PDB file of N, CA and C in Angstrom:
ATOM      1  N   MET A   1     108.982  87.771 193.427  1.00  0.00           N
ATOM      2  CA  MET A   1     108.196  87.495 192.249  1.00  0.00           C
ATOM      3  C   MET A   1     107.564  88.750 191.676  1.00  0.00           C
ATOM      4  N   GLY A   2     107.307  89.760 192.507  1.00  0.00           N
ATOM      5  CA  GLY A   2     106.646  90.958 192.050  1.00  0.00           C
ATOM      6  C   GLY A   2     107.587  91.951 191.389  1.00  0.00           C
ATOM      7  N   ASN A   3     108.866  91.593 191.247  1.00  0.00           N
ATOM      8  CA  ASN A   3     109.818  92.509 190.625  1.00  0.00           C
ATOM      9  C   ASN A   3     109.511  92.680 189.151  1.00  0.00           C
ATOM     10  N   LYS A   4     109.484  93.945 188.733  1.00  0.00           N
ATOM     11  CA  LYS A   4     109.221  94.245 187.331  1.00  0.00           C
ATOM     12  C   LYS A   4     110.534  94.176 186.563  1.00  0.00           C
ATOM     13  N   LYS A   5     110.520  93.572 185.390  1.00  0.00           N
ATOM     14  CA  LYS A   5     111.712  93.457 184.565  1.00  0.00           C
ATOM     15  C   LYS A   5     112.104  94.834 184.049  1.00  0.00           C
ATOM     16  N   MET A   6     113.364  95.176 184.187  1.00  0.00           N
ATOM     17  CA  MET A   6     113.853  96.480 183.752  1.00  0.00           C
ATOM     18  C   MET A   6     114.449  96.391 182.359  1.00  0.00           C
ATOM     19  N   GLY A   7     114.057  97.310 181.522  1.00  0.00           N
ATOM     20  CA  GLY A   7     114.646  97.433 180.195  1.00  0.00           C
ATOM     21  C   GLY A   7     115.474  98.700 180.163  1.00  0.00           C
ATOM     22  N   ARG A   8     115.749  99.174 178.953  1.00  0.00           N
ATOM     23  CA  ARG A   8     116.483 100.420 178.836  1.00  0.00           C
ATOM     24  C   ARG A   8     115.633 101.568 179.343  1.00  0.00           C
ATOM     25  N   PRO A   9     116.204 102.468 180.131  1.00  0.00           N
ATOM     26  CA  PRO A   9     115.437 103.626 180.587  1.00  0.00           C
ATOM     27  C   PRO A   9     115.094 104.530 179.397  1.00  0.00           C
ATOM     28  N   THR A  10     113.926 105.166 179.447  1.00  0.00           N
ATOM     29  CA  THR A  10     113.508 106.038 178.369  1.00  0.00           C
ATOM     30  C   THR A  10     112.742 107.225 178.934  1.00  0.00           C
ATOM     31  N   ASP A  11     112.792 108.335 178.224  1.00  0.00           N
ATOM     32  CA  ASP A  11     112.024 109.511 178.609  1.00  0.00           C
ATOM     33  C   ASP A  11     110.599 109.441 178.077  1.00  0.00           C
ATOM     34  N   ASN A  12     110.349 108.501 177.166  1.00  0.00           N
ATOM     35  CA  ASN A  12     109.042 108.393 176.532  1.00  0.00           C
ATOM     36  C   ASN A  12     108.619 106.925 176.468  1.00  0.00           C
ATOM     37  N   PRO A  13     108.185 106.360 177.608  1.00  0.00           N
ATOM     38  CA  PRO A  13     107.810 104.942 177.594  1.00  0.00           C
ATOM     39  C   PRO A  13     106.585 104.695 176.731  1.00  0.00           C
ATOM     40  N   LYS A  14     106.585 103.584 176.030  1.00  0.00           N
ATOM     41  CA  LYS A  14     105.461 103.182 175.179  1.00  0.00           C
ATOM     42  C   LYS A  14     104.704 102.070 175.907  1.00  0.00           C
ATOM     43  N   ASP A  15     103.800 102.464 176.803  1.00  0.00           N
ATOM     44  CA  ASP A  15     103.136 101.474 177.633  1.00  0.00           C
ATOM     45  C   ASP A  15     101.678 101.218 177.237  1.00  0.00           C
ATOM     46  N   ILE A  16     101.249 101.799 176.127  1.00  0.00           N
ATOM     47  CA  ILE A  16      99.895 101.568 175.633  1.00  0.00           C
ATOM     48  C   ILE A  16      99.978 100.677 174.398  1.00  0.00           C
ATOM     49  N   SER A  17      99.243  99.571 174.445  1.00  0.00           N
ATOM     50  CA  SER A  17      99.245  98.624 173.340  1.00  0.00           C
ATOM     51  C   SER A  17      97.977  98.832 172.515  1.00  0.00           C
ATOM     52  N   LEU A  18      98.107  98.679 171.203  1.00  0.00           N
ATOM     53  CA  LEU A  18      96.979  98.887 170.305  1.00  0.00           C
ATOM     54  C   LEU A  18      96.966  97.784 169.260  1.00  0.00           C
ATOM     55  N   LYS A  19      95.796  97.248 169.012  1.00  0.00           N
ATOM     56  CA  LYS A  19      95.654  96.217 167.983  1.00  0.00           C
ATOM     57  C   LYS A  19      94.823  96.817 166.858  1.00  0.00           C
ATOM     58  N   VAL A  20      95.284  96.652 165.628  1.00  0.00           N
ATOM     59  CA  VAL A  20      94.541  97.171 164.479  1.00  0.00           C
ATOM     60  C   VAL A  20      94.323  96.060 163.464  1.00  0.00           C
ATOM     61  N   ARG A  21      93.288  96.229 162.664  1.00  0.00           N
ATOM     62  CA  ARG A  21      93.004  95.300 161.571  1.00  0.00           C
ATOM     63  C   ARG A  21      93.198  96.075 160.280  1.00  0.00           C
ATOM     64  N   LEU A  22      93.931  95.487 159.345  1.00  0.00           N
ATOM     65  CA  LEU A  22      94.231  96.143 158.081  1.00  0.00           C
ATOM     66  C   LEU A  22      93.769  95.287 156.914  1.00  0.00           C
ATOM     67  N   ASP A  23      93.368  95.957 155.836  1.00  0.00           N
ATOM     68  CA  ASP A  23      93.106  95.209 154.617  1.00  0.00           C
ATOM     69  C   ASP A  23      94.456  94.922 153.953  1.00  0.00           C
ATOM     70  N   LYS A  24      94.459  94.048 152.971  1.00  0.00           N
ATOM     71  CA  LYS A  24      95.704  93.599 152.344  1.00  0.00           C
ATOM     72  C   LYS A  24      96.482  94.759 151.728  1.00  0.00           C
ATOM     73  N   GLY A  25      95.800  95.668 151.053  1.00  0.00           N
ATOM     74  CA  GLY A  25      96.476  96.798 150.414  1.00  0.00           C
ATOM     75  C   GLY A  25      97.167  97.704 151.417  1.00  0.00           C
ATOM     76  N   THR A  26      96.492  97.978 152.526  1.00  0.00           N
ATOM     77  CA  THR A  26      97.087  98.827 153.559  1.00  0.00           C
ATOM     78  C   THR A  26      98.279  98.130 154.206  1.00  0.00           C
ATOM     79  N   ALA A  27      98.170  96.829 154.440  1.00  0.00           N
ATOM     80  CA  ALA A  27      99.277  96.066 155.026  1.00  0.00           C
ATOM     81  C   ALA A  27     100.489  96.072 154.092  1.00  0.00           C
ATOM     82  N   GLU A  28     100.239  95.981 152.789  1.00  0.00           N
ATOM     83  CA  GLU A  28     101.345  96.026 151.824  1.00  0.00           C
ATOM     84  C   GLU A  28     102.018  97.394 151.828  1.00  0.00           C
ATOM     85  N   LYS A  29     101.229  98.459 151.962  1.00  0.00           N
ATOM     86  CA  LYS A  29     101.803  99.808 152.051  1.00  0.00           C
ATOM     87  C   LYS A  29     102.642  99.950 153.323  1.00  0.00           C
ATOM     88  N   LEU A  30     102.147  99.395 154.424  1.00  0.00           N
ATOM     89  CA  LEU A  30     102.897  99.441 155.687  1.00  0.00           C
ATOM     90  C   LEU A  30     104.218  98.698 155.534  1.00  0.00           C
ATOM     91  N   ASP A  31     104.184  97.526 154.923  1.00  0.00           N
ATOM     92  CA  ASP A  31     105.404  96.746 154.709  1.00  0.00           C
ATOM     93  C   ASP A  31     106.399  97.506 153.826  1.00  0.00           C
ATOM     94  N   ALA A  32     105.899  98.184 152.797  1.00  0.00           N
ATOM     95  CA  ALA A  32     106.777  98.962 151.926  1.00  0.00           C
ATOM     96  C   ALA A  32     107.431 100.092 152.714  1.00  0.00           C
ATOM     97  N   CYS A  33     106.670 100.713 153.600  1.00  0.00           N
ATOM     98  CA  CYS A  33     107.208 101.806 154.417  1.00  0.00           C
ATOM     99  C   CYS A  33     108.305 101.307 155.359  1.00  0.00           C
ATOM    100  N   ILE A  34     108.076 100.153 156.011  1.00  0.00           N
ATOM    101  CA  ILE A  34     109.082  99.672 156.956  1.00  0.00           C
ATOM    102  C   ILE A  34     110.366  99.265 156.239  1.00  0.00           C
ATOM    103  N   LYS A  35     110.238  98.744 155.026  1.00  0.00           N
ATOM    104  CA  LYS A  35     111.435  98.370 154.266  1.00  0.00           C
ATOM    105  C   LYS A  35     112.205  99.596 153.810  1.00  0.00           C
ATOM    106  N   GLU A  36     111.499 100.607 153.337  1.00  0.00           N
ATOM    107  CA  GLU A  36     112.144 101.822 152.838  1.00  0.00           C
ATOM    108  C   GLU A  36     112.768 102.632 153.969  1.00  0.00           C
ATOM    109  N   LEU A  37     112.044 102.774 155.077  1.00  0.00           N
ATOM    110  CA  LEU A  37     112.514 103.612 156.183  1.00  0.00           C
ATOM    111  C   LEU A  37     113.399 102.854 157.173  1.00  0.00           C
ATOM    112  N   LYS A  38     113.352 101.526 157.098  1.00  0.00           N
ATOM    113  CA  LYS A  38     114.125 100.665 158.015  1.00  0.00           C
ATOM    114  C   LYS A  38     113.796 100.964 159.481  1.00  0.00           C
ATOM    115  N   VAL A  39     112.497 101.015 159.763  1.00  0.00           N
ATOM    116  CA  VAL A  39     112.004 101.193 161.126  1.00  0.00           C
ATOM    117  C   VAL A  39     110.913 100.153 161.373  1.00  0.00           C
ATOM    118  N   SER A  40     110.445 100.085 162.608  1.00  0.00           N
ATOM    119  CA  SER A  40     109.417  99.110 162.960  1.00  0.00           C
ATOM    120  C   SER A  40     108.040  99.538 162.467  1.00  0.00           C
ATOM    121  N   LYS A  41     107.128  98.570 162.459  1.00  0.00           N
ATOM    122  CA  LYS A  41     105.747  98.882 162.100  1.00  0.00           C
ATOM    123  C   LYS A  41     105.187  99.930 163.058  1.00  0.00           C
ATOM    124  N   ALA A  42     105.474  99.757 164.334  1.00  0.00           N
ATOM    125  CA  ALA A  42     104.969 100.697 165.334  1.00  0.00           C
ATOM    126  C   ALA A  42     105.481 102.107 165.061  1.00  0.00           C
ATOM    127  N   GLU A  43     106.729 102.237 164.655  1.00  0.00           N
ATOM    128  CA  GLU A  43     107.301 103.558 164.381  1.00  0.00           C
ATOM    129  C   GLU A  43     106.628 104.200 163.171  1.00  0.00           C
ATOM    130  N   VAL A  44     106.359 103.423 162.129  1.00  0.00           N
ATOM    131  CA  VAL A  44     105.663 103.968 160.956  1.00  0.00           C
ATOM    132  C   VAL A  44     104.278 104.455 161.365  1.00  0.00           C
ATOM    133  N   ILE A  45     103.591 103.683 162.183  1.00  0.00           N
ATOM    134  CA  ILE A  45     102.248 104.069 162.624  1.00  0.00           C
ATOM    135  C   ILE A  45     102.309 105.321 163.489  1.00  0.00           C
ATOM    136  N   ARG A  46     103.289 105.397 164.408  1.00  0.00           N
ATOM    137  CA  ARG A  46     103.438 106.605 165.230  1.00  0.00           C
ATOM    138  C   ARG A  46     103.687 107.824 164.360  1.00  0.00           C
ATOM    139  N   ARG A  47     104.573 107.683 163.359  1.00  0.00           N
ATOM    140  CA  ARG A  47     104.856 108.800 162.457  1.00  0.00           C
ATOM    141  C   ARG A  47     103.603 109.217 161.695  1.00  0.00           C
ATOM    142  N   GLY A  48     102.808 108.230 161.277  1.00  0.00           N
ATOM    143  CA  GLY A  48     101.569 108.527 160.566  1.00  0.00           C
ATOM    144  C   GLY A  48     100.590 109.305 161.437  1.00  0.00           C
ATOM    145  N   ILE A  49     100.475 108.913 162.685  1.00  0.00           N
ATOM    146  CA  ILE A  49      99.586 109.619 163.612  1.00  0.00           C
ATOM    147  C   ILE A  49     100.046 111.056 163.794  1.00  0.00           C
ATOM    148  N   HIS A  50     101.361 111.245 163.974  1.00  0.00           N
ATOM    149  CA  HIS A  50     101.897 112.607 164.133  1.00  0.00           C
ATOM    150  C   HIS A  50     101.638 113.437 162.875  1.00  0.00           C
ATOM    151  N   LYS A  51     101.805 112.828 161.713  1.00  0.00           N
ATOM    152  CA  LYS A  51     101.599 113.552 160.453  1.00  0.00           C
ATOM    153  C   LYS A  51     100.146 113.988 160.300  1.00  0.00           C
ATOM    154  N   VAL A  52      99.217 113.083 160.556  1.00  0.00           N
ATOM    155  CA  VAL A  52      97.801 113.425 160.449  1.00  0.00           C
ATOM    156  C   VAL A  52      97.447 114.509 161.469  1.00  0.00           C
ATOM    157  N   HIS A  53      97.962 114.382 162.685  1.00  0.00           N
ATOM    158  CA  HIS A  53      97.678 115.371 163.728  1.00  0.00           C
ATOM    159  C   HIS A  53      98.226 116.740 163.332  1.00  0.00           C
ATOM    160  N   ASP A  54      99.450 116.781 162.812  1.00  0.00           N
ATOM    161  CA  ASP A  54     100.040 118.046 162.366  1.00  0.00           C
ATOM    162  C   ASP A  54      99.211 118.665 161.247  1.00  0.00           C
ATOM    163  N   ASP A  55      98.734 117.826 160.321  1.00  0.00           N
ATOM    164  CA  ASP A  55      97.894 118.326 159.225  1.00  0.00           C
ATOM    165  C   ASP A  55      96.597 118.919 159.752  1.00  0.00           C
ATOM    166  N   LEU A  56      96.023 118.325 160.786  1.00  0.00           N
ATOM    167  CA  LEU A  56      94.801 118.858 161.398  1.00  0.00           C
ATOM    168  C   LEU A  56      95.049 120.230 162.028  1.00  0.00           C
ATOM    169  N   GLN A  57      96.213 120.408 162.611  1.00  0.00           N
ATOM    170  CA  GLN A  57      96.553 121.681 163.250  1.00  0.00           C
ATOM    171  C   GLN A  57      96.693 122.809 162.219  1.00  0.00           C
ATOM    172  N   LYS A  58      97.057 122.460 160.979  1.00  0.00           N
ATOM    173  CA  LYS A  58      97.249 123.444 159.919  1.00  0.00           C
ATOM    174  C   LYS A  58      95.919 123.941 159.370  1.00  0.00           C
ATOM    175  N   GLU A  59      94.867 123.157 159.531  1.00  0.00           N
ATOM    176  CA  GLU A  59      93.553 123.520 158.958  1.00  0.00           C
ATOM    177  C   GLU A  59      92.908 124.641 159.716  1.00  0.00           C
TER     178      GLU A  59
END
């Protein structure tokens, strides 16, 4: 019973879960991004975090 279910092996496991609350306008922007980029909501958010972090490094 204690066996952990195995998925695809990865070099970068995503084992931290995050819950966010968005206003309607922000949610609509997120939806537009996922449709245009054809990626998941989580991927758009990860890319956004990387972009903001990179911008901070430039300052």
